[in-house]
Amino acid sequence: MYKVTILYPNGEGKTFDMAYYEQKHMPMVANFIGDNLKFYEIDKVISGRTPNDPPAHLAVGYFYVTDIAKYGQAIGANRDAIVNDFKNYTNIQPIIQISEIQQVVYKN
């Protein structure tokens, strides 16, 4: 399984509409990914290393997919719609990172 991480860096003048991201943007992209998508997550970042430190990012999104090539095809085919939607929720250029998940451990 692969994890696509979308990071929205914090900084002076940066804005982010979490409600829009949760209700419109991520569901739209999830629909483009289709059956290849196993699930997605959204983090609202609240602080940095300590509760008093500003966060390095305002938000982080994650898509978990089984086929990274199919993910790339889906995103490529819908790139304009995805990029054009940024203005509806942020003025931040996101940073994308793709990882191959090596281990998942659940503890009680």
PDB file of N, CA and C in Angstrom:
ATOM      1  N   MET A   1       0.836  -1.172   0.000  1.00  0.00           N
ATOM      2  CA  MET A   1       0.000   0.000   0.000  1.00  0.00           C
ATOM      3  C   MET A   1       0.884   1.239   0.000  1.00  0.00           C
ATOM      4  N   TYR A   2       0.359   2.315  -0.584  1.00  0.00           N
ATOM      5  CA  TYR A   2       1.067   3.579  -0.694  1.00  0.00           C
ATOM      6  C   TYR A   2       0.285   4.672   0.012  1.00  0.00           C
ATOM      7  N   LYS A   3       1.025   5.634   0.543  1.00  0.00           N
ATOM      8  CA  LYS A   3       0.411   6.785   1.193  1.00  0.00           C
ATOM      9  C   LYS A   3       0.873   8.044   0.475  1.00  0.00           C
ATOM     10  N   VAL A   4      -0.091   8.817   0.015  1.00  0.00           N
ATOM     11  CA  VAL A   4       0.188  10.109  -0.594  1.00  0.00           C
ATOM     12  C   VAL A   4      -0.106  11.165   0.469  1.00  0.00           C
ATOM     13  N   THR A   5       0.913  11.922   0.834  1.00  0.00           N
ATOM     14  CA  THR A   5       0.789  12.944   1.864  1.00  0.00           C
ATOM     15  C   THR A   5       0.793  14.306   1.193  1.00  0.00           C
ATOM     16  N   ILE A   6      -0.195  15.139   1.548  1.00  0.00           N
ATOM     17  CA  ILE A   6      -0.305  16.488   1.012  1.00  0.00           C
ATOM     18  C   ILE A   6      -0.134  17.450   2.183  1.00  0.00           C
ATOM     19  N   LEU A   7       0.984  18.169   2.201  1.00  0.00           N
ATOM     20  CA  LEU A   7       1.337  19.065   3.299  1.00  0.00           C
ATOM     21  C   LEU A   7       1.068  20.510   2.901  1.00  0.00           C
ATOM     22  N   TYR A   8       0.451  21.254   3.804  1.00  0.00           N
ATOM     23  CA  TYR A   8       0.160  22.668   3.592  1.00  0.00           C
ATOM     24  C   TYR A   8       0.980  23.478   4.598  1.00  0.00           C
ATOM     25  N   PRO A   9       2.171  23.959   4.186  1.00  0.00           N
ATOM     26  CA  PRO A   9       3.068  24.659   5.109  1.00  0.00           C
ATOM     27  C   PRO A   9       2.448  25.928   5.690  1.00  0.00           C
ATOM     28  N   ASN A  10       2.757  26.158   6.960  1.00  0.00           N
ATOM     29  CA  ASN A  10       2.335  27.360   7.661  1.00  0.00           C
ATOM     30  C   ASN A  10       3.280  28.501   7.312  1.00  0.00           C
ATOM     31  N   GLY A  11       2.837  29.711   7.501  1.00  0.00           N
ATOM     32  CA  GLY A  11       3.683  30.880   7.284  1.00  0.00           C
ATOM     33  C   GLY A  11       2.855  32.140   7.337  1.00  0.00           C
ATOM     34  N   GLU A  12       3.539  33.247   7.368  1.00  0.00           N
ATOM     35  CA  GLU A  12       2.862  34.538   7.443  1.00  0.00           C
ATOM     36  C   GLU A  12       1.926  34.728   6.249  1.00  0.00           C
ATOM     37  N   GLY A  13       0.689  35.085   6.526  1.00  0.00           N
ATOM     38  CA  GLY A  13      -0.294  35.344   5.483  1.00  0.00           C
ATOM     39  C   GLY A  13      -0.929  34.107   4.883  1.00  0.00           C
ATOM     40  N   LYS A  14      -0.562  32.917   5.370  1.00  0.00           N
ATOM     41  CA  LYS A  14      -1.130  31.677   4.830  1.00  0.00           C
ATOM     42  C   LYS A  14      -2.541  31.470   5.369  1.00  0.00           C
ATOM     43  N   THR A  15      -3.453  31.043   4.497  1.00  0.00           N
ATOM     44  CA  THR A  15      -4.838  30.799   4.889  1.00  0.00           C
ATOM     45  C   THR A  15      -5.247  29.399   4.469  1.00  0.00           C
ATOM     46  N   PHE A  16      -6.206  28.844   5.221  1.00  0.00           N
ATOM     47  CA  PHE A  16      -6.682  27.491   4.925  1.00  0.00           C
ATOM     48  C   PHE A  16      -8.105  27.344   5.451  1.00  0.00           C
ATOM     49  N   ASP A  17      -9.041  26.983   4.578  1.00  0.00           N
ATOM     50  CA  ASP A  17     -10.441  26.773   4.944  1.00  0.00           C
ATOM     51  C   ASP A  17     -10.660  25.268   5.140  1.00  0.00           C
ATOM     52  N   MET A  18     -10.582  24.825   6.391  1.00  0.00           N
ATOM     53  CA  MET A  18     -10.684  23.402   6.703  1.00  0.00           C
ATOM     54  C   MET A  18     -12.049  22.832   6.313  1.00  0.00           C
ATOM     55  N   ALA A  19     -13.123  23.562   6.531  1.00  0.00           N
ATOM     56  CA  ALA A  19     -14.463  23.055   6.199  1.00  0.00           C
ATOM     57  C   ALA A  19     -14.564  22.755   4.705  1.00  0.00           C
ATOM     58  N   TYR A  20     -14.080  23.656   3.864  1.00  0.00           N
ATOM     59  CA  TYR A  20     -14.112  23.429   2.422  1.00  0.00           C
ATOM     60  C   TYR A  20     -13.263  22.220   2.056  1.00  0.00           C
ATOM     61  N   TYR A  21     -12.087  22.136   2.637  1.00  0.00           N
ATOM     62  CA  TYR A  21     -11.176  21.026   2.355  1.00  0.00           C
ATOM     63  C   TYR A  21     -11.833  19.689   2.703  1.00  0.00           C
ATOM     64  N   GLU A  22     -12.473  19.637   3.877  1.00  0.00           N
ATOM     65  CA  GLU A  22     -13.130  18.402   4.331  1.00  0.00           C
ATOM     66  C   GLU A  22     -14.368  18.062   3.503  1.00  0.00           C
ATOM     67  N   GLN A  23     -15.170  19.061   3.196  1.00  0.00           N
ATOM     68  CA  GLN A  23     -16.470  18.821   2.585  1.00  0.00           C
ATOM     69  C   GLN A  23     -16.463  18.813   1.057  1.00  0.00           C
ATOM     70  N   LYS A  24     -15.501  19.498   0.441  1.00  0.00           N
ATOM     71  CA  LYS A  24     -15.504  19.626  -1.025  1.00  0.00           C
ATOM     72  C   LYS A  24     -14.249  19.061  -1.701  1.00  0.00           C
ATOM     73  N   HIS A  25     -13.079  19.603  -1.300  1.00  0.00           N
ATOM     74  CA  HIS A  25     -11.864  19.269  -2.053  1.00  0.00           C
ATOM     75  C   HIS A  25     -11.464  17.800  -1.931  1.00  0.00           C
ATOM     76  N   MET A  26     -11.292  17.330  -0.716  1.00  0.00           N
ATOM     77  CA  MET A  26     -10.854  15.936  -0.543  1.00  0.00           C
ATOM     78  C   MET A  26     -11.865  14.935  -1.104  1.00  0.00           C
ATOM     79  N   PRO A  27     -13.166  15.108  -0.894  1.00  0.00           N
ATOM     80  CA  PRO A  27     -14.110  14.175  -1.530  1.00  0.00           C
ATOM     81  C   PRO A  27     -14.040  14.210  -3.063  1.00  0.00           C
ATOM     82  N   MET A  28     -13.806  15.395  -3.639  1.00  0.00           N
ATOM     83  CA  MET A  28     -13.677  15.503  -5.094  1.00  0.00           C
ATOM     84  C   MET A  28     -12.486  14.683  -5.578  1.00  0.00           C
ATOM     85  N   VAL A  29     -11.328  14.865  -4.928  1.00  0.00           N
ATOM     86  CA  VAL A  29     -10.124  14.133  -5.340  1.00  0.00           C
ATOM     87  C   VAL A  29     -10.309  12.639  -5.085  1.00  0.00           C
ATOM     88  N   ALA A  30     -10.917  12.276  -3.972  1.00  0.00           N
ATOM     89  CA  ALA A  30     -11.185  10.861  -3.667  1.00  0.00           C
ATOM     90  C   ALA A  30     -12.035  10.235  -4.774  1.00  0.00           C
ATOM     91  N   ASN A  31     -13.001  10.980  -5.267  1.00  0.00           N
ATOM     92  CA  ASN A  31     -13.846  10.485  -6.359  1.00  0.00           C
ATOM     93  C   ASN A  31     -13.020  10.246  -7.626  1.00  0.00           C
ATOM     94  N   PHE A  32     -12.078  11.138  -7.901  1.00  0.00           N
ATOM     95  CA  PHE A  32     -11.206  10.958  -9.065  1.00  0.00           C
ATOM     96  C   PHE A  32     -10.356   9.694  -8.922  1.00  0.00           C
ATOM     97  N   ILE A  33      -9.887   9.409  -7.722  1.00  0.00           N
ATOM     98  CA  ILE A  33      -9.023   8.240  -7.486  1.00  0.00           C
ATOM     99  C   ILE A  33      -9.822   6.944  -7.629  1.00  0.00           C
ATOM    100  N   GLY A  34     -11.076   6.958  -7.229  1.00  0.00           N
ATOM    101  CA  GLY A  34     -11.955   5.806  -7.426  1.00  0.00           C
ATOM    102  C   GLY A  34     -11.638   4.626  -6.532  1.00  0.00           C
ATOM    103  N   ASP A  35     -11.822   3.426  -7.074  1.00  0.00           N
ATOM    104  CA  ASP A  35     -11.681   2.183  -6.308  1.00  0.00           C
ATOM    105  C   ASP A  35     -10.259   1.907  -5.831  1.00  0.00           C
ATOM    106  N   ASN A  36      -9.284   2.564  -6.414  1.00  0.00           N
ATOM    107  CA  ASN A  36      -7.896   2.418  -5.980  1.00  0.00           C
ATOM    108  C   ASN A  36      -7.691   2.990  -4.575  1.00  0.00           C
ATOM    109  N   LEU A  37      -8.553   3.906  -4.178  1.00  0.00           N
ATOM    110  CA  LEU A  37      -8.453   4.546  -2.863  1.00  0.00           C
ATOM    111  C   LEU A  37      -9.035   3.633  -1.794  1.00  0.00           C
ATOM    112  N   LYS A  38      -8.237   3.325  -0.791  1.00  0.00           N
ATOM    113  CA  LYS A  38      -8.705   2.503   0.329  1.00  0.00           C
ATOM    114  C   LYS A  38      -9.344   3.372   1.399  1.00  0.00           C
ATOM    115  N   PHE A  39      -8.718   4.511   1.730  1.00  0.00           N
ATOM    116  CA  PHE A  39      -9.297   5.495   2.632  1.00  0.00           C
ATOM    117  C   PHE A  39      -8.444   6.747   2.586  1.00  0.00           C
ATOM    118  N   TYR A  40      -8.993   7.820   3.164  1.00  0.00           N
ATOM    119  CA  TYR A  40      -8.186   9.029   3.286  1.00  0.00           C
ATOM    120  C   TYR A  40      -8.377   9.626   4.669  1.00  0.00           C
ATOM    121  N   GLU A  41      -7.407  10.471   5.041  1.00  0.00           N
ATOM    122  CA  GLU A  41      -7.404  11.133   6.343  1.00  0.00           C
ATOM    123  C   GLU A  41      -7.101  12.615   6.150  1.00  0.00           C
ATOM    124  N   ILE A  42      -7.549  13.408   7.112  1.00  0.00           N
ATOM    125  CA  ILE A  42      -7.248  14.839   7.131  1.00  0.00           C
ATOM    126  C   ILE A  42      -6.821  15.198   8.547  1.00  0.00           C
ATOM    127  N   ASP A  43      -5.687  15.880   8.659  1.00  0.00           N
ATOM    128  CA  ASP A  43      -5.208  16.380   9.943  1.00  0.00           C
ATOM    129  C   ASP A  43      -5.325  17.898   9.969  1.00  0.00           C
ATOM    130  N   LYS A  44      -5.938  18.431  11.015  1.00  0.00           N
ATOM    131  CA  LYS A  44      -5.866  19.860  11.302  1.00  0.00           C
ATOM    132  C   LYS A  44      -4.735  20.002  12.306  1.00  0.00           C
ATOM    133  N   VAL A  45      -3.637  20.611  11.888  1.00  0.00           N
ATOM    134  CA  VAL A  45      -2.458  20.696  12.739  1.00  0.00           C
ATOM    135  C   VAL A  45      -2.675  21.812  13.764  1.00  0.00           C
ATOM    136  N   ILE A  46      -2.430  21.495  15.051  1.00  0.00           N
ATOM    137  CA  ILE A  46      -2.738  22.452  16.107  1.00  0.00           C
ATOM    138  C   ILE A  46      -1.506  23.071  16.779  1.00  0.00           C
ATOM    139  N   SER A  47      -0.352  22.432  16.664  1.00  0.00           N
ATOM    140  CA  SER A  47       0.857  23.025  17.241  1.00  0.00           C
ATOM    141  C   SER A  47       2.086  22.330  16.670  1.00  0.00           C
ATOM    142  N   GLY A  48       3.224  22.884  17.045  1.00  0.00           N
ATOM    143  CA  GLY A  48       4.488  22.273  16.661  1.00  0.00           C
ATOM    144  C   GLY A  48       4.915  21.245  17.689  1.00  0.00           C
ATOM    145  N   ARG A  49       6.207  21.178  17.927  1.00  0.00           N
ATOM    146  CA  ARG A  49       6.790  20.168  18.826  1.00  0.00           C
ATOM    147  C   ARG A  49       6.204  20.223  20.228  1.00  0.00           C
ATOM    148  N   THR A  50       5.924  21.417  20.708  1.00  0.00           N
ATOM    149  CA  THR A  50       5.271  21.579  22.011  1.00  0.00           C
ATOM    150  C   THR A  50       3.976  22.358  21.781  1.00  0.00           C
ATOM    151  N   PRO A  51       3.050  22.324  22.731  1.00  0.00           N
ATOM    152  CA  PRO A  51       1.780  23.037  22.550  1.00  0.00           C
ATOM    153  C   PRO A  51       1.939  24.538  22.293  1.00  0.00           C
ATOM    154  N   ASN A  52       3.060  25.118  22.681  1.00  0.00           N
ATOM    155  CA  ASN A  52       3.277  26.554  22.473  1.00  0.00           C
ATOM    156  C   ASN A  52       4.011  26.883  21.181  1.00  0.00           C
ATOM    157  N   ASP A  53       4.499  25.874  20.476  1.00  0.00           N
ATOM    158  CA  ASP A  53       5.210  26.109  19.219  1.00  0.00           C
ATOM    159  C   ASP A  53       4.214  26.204  18.067  1.00  0.00           C
ATOM    160  N   PRO A  54       4.412  27.160  17.158  1.00  0.00           N
ATOM    161  CA  PRO A  54       3.523  27.223  15.997  1.00  0.00           C
ATOM    162  C   PRO A  54       3.711  25.983  15.120  1.00  0.00           C
ATOM    163  N   PRO A  55       2.643  25.536  14.480  1.00  0.00           N
ATOM    164  CA  PRO A  55       2.763  24.346  13.635  1.00  0.00           C
ATOM    165  C   PRO A  55       3.553  24.638  12.358  1.00  0.00           C
ATOM    166  N   ALA A  56       4.291  23.652  11.903  1.00  0.00           N
ATOM    167  CA  ALA A  56       5.020  23.777  10.638  1.00  0.00           C
ATOM    168  C   ALA A  56       4.060  23.742   9.450  1.00  0.00           C
ATOM    169  N   HIS A  57       2.907  23.104   9.659  1.00  0.00           N
ATOM    170  CA  HIS A  57       1.890  22.992   8.609  1.00  0.00           C
ATOM    171  C   HIS A  57       0.540  23.359   9.205  1.00  0.00           C
ATOM    172  N   LEU A  58      -0.355  23.862   8.357  1.00  0.00           N
ATOM    173  CA  LEU A  58      -1.709  24.156   8.814  1.00  0.00           C
ATOM    174  C   LEU A  58      -2.616  22.942   8.699  1.00  0.00           C
ATOM    175  N   ALA A  59      -2.345  22.112   7.705  1.00  0.00           N
ATOM    176  CA  ALA A  59      -3.154  20.913   7.486  1.00  0.00           C
ATOM    177  C   ALA A  59      -2.333  19.894   6.724  1.00  0.00           C
ATOM    178  N   VAL A  60      -2.750  18.626   6.854  1.00  0.00           N
ATOM    179  CA  VAL A  60      -2.118  17.541   6.119  1.00  0.00           C
ATOM    180  C   VAL A  60      -3.224  16.602   5.664  1.00  0.00           C
ATOM    181  N   GLY A  61      -3.205  16.245   4.398  1.00  0.00           N
ATOM    182  CA  GLY A  61      -4.140  15.254   3.863  1.00  0.00           C
ATOM    183  C   GLY A  61      -3.379  14.012   3.467  1.00  0.00           C
ATOM    184  N   TYR A  62      -4.070  12.870   3.538  1.00  0.00           N
ATOM    185  CA  TYR A  62      -3.446  11.591   3.185  1.00  0.00           C
ATOM    186  C   TYR A  62      -4.410  10.778   2.340  1.00  0.00           C
ATOM    187  N   PHE A  63      -3.912  10.205   1.264  1.00  0.00           N
ATOM    188  CA  PHE A  63      -4.651   9.221   0.476  1.00  0.00           C
ATOM    189  C   PHE A  63      -3.897   7.899   0.563  1.00  0.00           C
ATOM    190  N   TYR A  64      -4.599   6.820   0.849  1.00  0.00           N
ATOM    191  CA  TYR A  64      -4.015   5.485   0.911  1.00  0.00           C
ATOM    192  C   TYR A  64      -4.512   4.710  -0.294  1.00  0.00           C
ATOM    193  N   VAL A  65      -3.578   4.309  -1.158  1.00  0.00           N
ATOM    194  CA  VAL A  65      -3.932   3.630  -2.408  1.00  0.00           C
ATOM    195  C   VAL A  65      -3.116   2.348  -2.564  1.00  0.00           C
ATOM    196  N   THR A  66      -3.631   1.429  -3.364  1.00  0.00           N
ATOM    197  CA  THR A  66      -2.912   0.172  -3.586  1.00  0.00           C
ATOM    198  C   THR A  66      -2.043   0.206  -4.838  1.00  0.00           C
ATOM    199  N   ASP A  67      -2.372   1.051  -5.797  1.00  0.00           N
ATOM    200  CA  ASP A  67      -1.628   1.093  -7.059  1.00  0.00           C
ATOM    201  C   ASP A  67      -1.205   2.537  -7.324  1.00  0.00           C
ATOM    202  N   ILE A  68       0.073   2.815  -7.182  1.00  0.00           N
ATOM    203  CA  ILE A  68       0.553   4.192  -7.322  1.00  0.00           C
ATOM    204  C   ILE A  68       0.501   4.655  -8.776  1.00  0.00           C
ATOM    205  N   ALA A  69       0.654   3.748  -9.731  1.00  0.00           N
ATOM    206  CA  ALA A  69       0.560   4.121 -11.144  1.00  0.00           C
ATOM    207  C   ALA A  69      -0.865   4.563 -11.479  1.00  0.00           C
ATOM    208  N   LYS A  70      -1.854   3.825 -10.981  1.00  0.00           N
ATOM    209  CA  LYS A  70      -3.256   4.214 -11.204  1.00  0.00           C
ATOM    210  C   LYS A  70      -3.567   5.541 -10.522  1.00  0.00           C
ATOM    211  N   TYR A  71      -2.997   5.751  -9.359  1.00  0.00           N
ATOM    212  CA  TYR A  71      -3.167   7.037  -8.676  1.00  0.00           C
ATOM    213  C   TYR A  71      -2.639   8.162  -9.575  1.00  0.00           C
ATOM    214  N   GLY A  72      -1.431   7.983 -10.088  1.00  0.00           N
ATOM    215  CA  GLY A  72      -0.832   8.994 -10.948  1.00  0.00           C
ATOM    216  C   GLY A  72      -1.663   9.269 -12.186  1.00  0.00           C
ATOM    217  N   GLN A  73      -2.236   8.236 -12.768  1.00  0.00           N
ATOM    218  CA  GLN A  73      -3.098   8.409 -13.946  1.00  0.00           C
ATOM    219  C   GLN A  73      -4.354   9.196 -13.592  1.00  0.00           C
ATOM    220  N   ALA A  74      -4.971   8.869 -12.457  1.00  0.00           N
ATOM    221  CA  ALA A  74      -6.204   9.547 -12.043  1.00  0.00           C
ATOM    222  C   ALA A  74      -5.943  11.025 -11.755  1.00  0.00           C
ATOM    223  N   ILE A  75      -4.857  11.297 -11.057  1.00  0.00           N
ATOM    224  CA  ILE A  75      -4.526  12.683 -10.734  1.00  0.00           C
ATOM    225  C   ILE A  75      -4.155  13.443 -12.005  1.00  0.00           C
ATOM    226  N   GLY A  76      -3.362  12.820 -12.856  1.00  0.00           N
ATOM    227  CA  GLY A  76      -2.970  13.459 -14.114  1.00  0.00           C
ATOM    228  C   GLY A  76      -4.161  13.814 -14.990  1.00  0.00           C
ATOM    229  N   ALA A  77      -5.128  12.921 -15.059  1.00  0.00           N
ATOM    230  CA  ALA A  77      -6.318  13.155 -15.886  1.00  0.00           C
ATOM    231  C   ALA A  77      -7.204  14.266 -15.320  1.00  0.00           C
ATOM    232  N   ASN A  78      -7.054  14.567 -14.035  1.00  0.00           N
ATOM    233  CA  ASN A  78      -7.914  15.557 -13.381  1.00  0.00           C
ATOM    234  C   ASN A  78      -7.126  16.704 -12.757  1.00  0.00           C
ATOM    235  N   ARG A  79      -5.885  16.840 -13.175  1.00  0.00           N
ATOM    236  CA  ARG A  79      -4.984  17.829 -12.580  1.00  0.00           C
ATOM    237  C   ARG A  79      -5.548  19.242 -12.603  1.00  0.00           C
ATOM    238  N   ASP A  80      -6.104  19.670 -13.722  1.00  0.00           N
ATOM    239  CA  ASP A  80      -6.618  21.040 -13.825  1.00  0.00           C
ATOM    240  C   ASP A  80      -7.731  21.297 -12.821  1.00  0.00           C
ATOM    241  N   ALA A  81      -8.659  20.360 -12.687  1.00  0.00           N
ATOM    242  CA  ALA A  81      -9.761  20.525 -11.728  1.00  0.00           C
ATOM    243  C   ALA A  81      -9.226  20.605 -10.303  1.00  0.00           C
ATOM    244  N   ILE A  82      -8.249  19.773  -9.995  1.00  0.00           N
ATOM    245  CA  ILE A  82      -7.670  19.755  -8.646  1.00  0.00           C
ATOM    246  C   ILE A  82      -6.950  21.064  -8.353  1.00  0.00           C
ATOM    247  N   VAL A  83      -6.062  21.469  -9.240  1.00  0.00           N
ATOM    248  CA  VAL A  83      -5.281  22.692  -9.036  1.00  0.00           C
ATOM    249  C   VAL A  83      -6.179  23.927  -9.026  1.00  0.00           C
ATOM    250  N   ASN A  84      -7.161  23.981  -9.906  1.00  0.00           N
ATOM    251  CA  ASN A  84      -8.059  25.134  -9.965  1.00  0.00           C
ATOM    252  C   ASN A  84      -8.925  25.267  -8.720  1.00  0.00           C
ATOM    253  N   ASP A  85      -9.076  24.187  -7.968  1.00  0.00           N
ATOM    254  CA  ASP A  85      -9.878  24.224  -6.747  1.00  0.00           C
ATOM    255  C   ASP A  85      -9.094  24.778  -5.558  1.00  0.00           C
ATOM    256  N   PHE A  86      -7.770  24.831  -5.638  1.00  0.00           N
ATOM    257  CA  PHE A  86      -6.954  25.325  -4.522  1.00  0.00           C
ATOM    258  C   PHE A  86      -7.444  26.689  -4.041  1.00  0.00           C
ATOM    259  N   LYS A  87      -7.745  27.584  -4.983  1.00  0.00           N
ATOM    260  CA  LYS A  87      -8.124  28.957  -4.627  1.00  0.00           C
ATOM    261  C   LYS A  87      -9.380  29.011  -3.770  1.00  0.00           C
ATOM    262  N   ASN A  88     -10.164  27.941  -3.752  1.00  0.00           N
ATOM    263  CA  ASN A  88     -11.390  27.916  -2.966  1.00  0.00           C
ATOM    264  C   ASN A  88     -11.153  27.646  -1.482  1.00  0.00           C
ATOM    265  N   TYR A  89      -9.942  27.182  -1.124  1.00  0.00           N
ATOM    266  CA  TYR A  89      -9.709  26.878   0.286  1.00  0.00           C
ATOM    267  C   TYR A  89      -8.344  27.308   0.823  1.00  0.00           C
ATOM    268  N   THR A  90      -7.401  27.685  -0.043  1.00  0.00           N
ATOM    269  CA  THR A  90      -6.076  28.040   0.475  1.00  0.00           C
ATOM    270  C   THR A  90      -5.307  28.921  -0.497  1.00  0.00           C
ATOM    271  N   ASN A  91      -4.323  29.612   0.053  1.00  0.00           N
ATOM    272  CA  ASN A  91      -3.358  30.337  -0.778  1.00  0.00           C
ATOM    273  C   ASN A  91      -1.974  29.685  -0.679  1.00  0.00           C
ATOM    274  N   ILE A  92      -1.957  28.429  -0.253  1.00  0.00           N
ATOM    275  CA  ILE A  92      -0.714  27.682  -0.037  1.00  0.00           C
ATOM    276  C   ILE A  92      -0.476  26.713  -1.192  1.00  0.00           C
ATOM    277  N   GLN A  93       0.758  26.668  -1.664  1.00  0.00           N
ATOM    278  CA  GLN A  93       1.160  25.646  -2.633  1.00  0.00           C
ATOM    279  C   GLN A  93       1.492  24.380  -1.847  1.00  0.00           C
ATOM    280  N   PRO A  94       0.710  23.308  -1.999  1.00  0.00           N
ATOM    281  CA  PRO A  94       0.976  22.109  -1.203  1.00  0.00           C
ATOM    282  C   PRO A  94       2.251  21.387  -1.631  1.00  0.00           C
ATOM    283  N   ILE A  95       2.795  20.654  -0.681  1.00  0.00           N
ATOM    284  CA  ILE A  95       3.945  19.782  -0.921  1.00  0.00           C
ATOM    285  C   ILE A  95       3.423  18.353  -0.908  1.00  0.00           C
ATOM    286  N   ILE A  96       3.754  17.592  -1.928  1.00  0.00           N
ATOM    287  CA  ILE A  96       3.274  16.215  -2.054  1.00  0.00           C
ATOM    288  C   ILE A  96       4.427  15.257  -1.795  1.00  0.00           C
ATOM    289  N   GLN A  97       4.148  14.236  -1.018  1.00  0.00           N
ATOM    290  CA  GLN A  97       5.130  13.187  -0.723  1.00  0.00           C
ATOM    291  C   GLN A  97       4.441  11.838  -0.890  1.00  0.00           C
ATOM    292  N   ILE A  98       5.079  10.908  -1.583  1.00  0.00           N
ATOM    293  CA  ILE A  98       4.531   9.571  -1.780  1.00  0.00           C
ATOM    294  C   ILE A  98       5.427   8.567  -1.080  1.00  0.00           C
ATOM    295  N   SER A  99       4.812   7.724  -0.261  1.00  0.00           N
ATOM    296  CA  SER A  99       5.550   6.736   0.524  1.00  0.00           C
ATOM    297  C   SER A  99       4.975   5.347   0.280  1.00  0.00           C
ATOM    298  N   GLU A 100       5.838   4.361   0.336  1.00  0.00           N
ATOM    299  CA  GLU A 100       5.389   2.977   0.360  1.00  0.00           C
ATOM    300  C   GLU A 100       5.339   2.554   1.825  1.00  0.00           C
ATOM    301  N   ILE A 101       4.171   2.142   2.280  1.00  0.00           N
ATOM    302  CA  ILE A 101       4.014   1.758   3.677  1.00  0.00           C
ATOM    303  C   ILE A 101       4.725   0.433   3.921  1.00  0.00           C
ATOM    304  N   GLN A 102       5.616   0.435   4.890  1.00  0.00           N
ATOM    305  CA  GLN A 102       6.401  -0.757   5.203  1.00  0.00           C
ATOM    306  C   GLN A 102       5.827  -1.543   6.358  1.00  0.00           C
ATOM    307  N   GLN A 103       5.186  -0.859   7.297  1.00  0.00           N
ATOM    308  CA  GLN A 103       4.693  -1.554   8.482  1.00  0.00           C
ATOM    309  C   GLN A 103       3.585  -0.739   9.117  1.00  0.00           C
ATOM    310  N   VAL A 104       2.565  -1.447   9.578  1.00  0.00           N
ATOM    311  CA  VAL A 104       1.498  -0.850  10.372  1.00  0.00           C
ATOM    312  C   VAL A 104       1.351  -1.706  11.628  1.00  0.00           C
ATOM    313  N   VAL A 105       1.410  -1.068  12.781  1.00  0.00           N
ATOM    314  CA  VAL A 105       1.306  -1.775  14.040  1.00  0.00           C
ATOM    315  C   VAL A 105       0.173  -1.128  14.844  1.00  0.00           C
ATOM    316  N   TYR A 106      -0.785  -1.917  15.269  1.00  0.00           N
ATOM    317  CA  TYR A 106      -1.878  -1.431  16.116  1.00  0.00           C
ATOM    318  C   TYR A 106      -1.644  -1.931  17.535  1.00  0.00           C
ATOM    319  N   LYS A 107      -1.834  -1.054  18.473  1.00  0.00           N
ATOM    320  CA  LYS A 107      -1.679  -1.429  19.893  1.00  0.00           C
ATOM    321  C   LYS A 107      -2.960  -1.039  20.619  1.00  0.00           C
ATOM    322  N   ASN A 108      -3.264  -1.780  21.655  1.00  0.00           N
ATOM    323  CA  ASN A 108      -4.465  -1.478  22.442  1.00  0.00           C
ATOM    324  C   ASN A 108      -4.230  -0.339  23.383  1.00  0.00           C
TER     325      ASN A 108
END
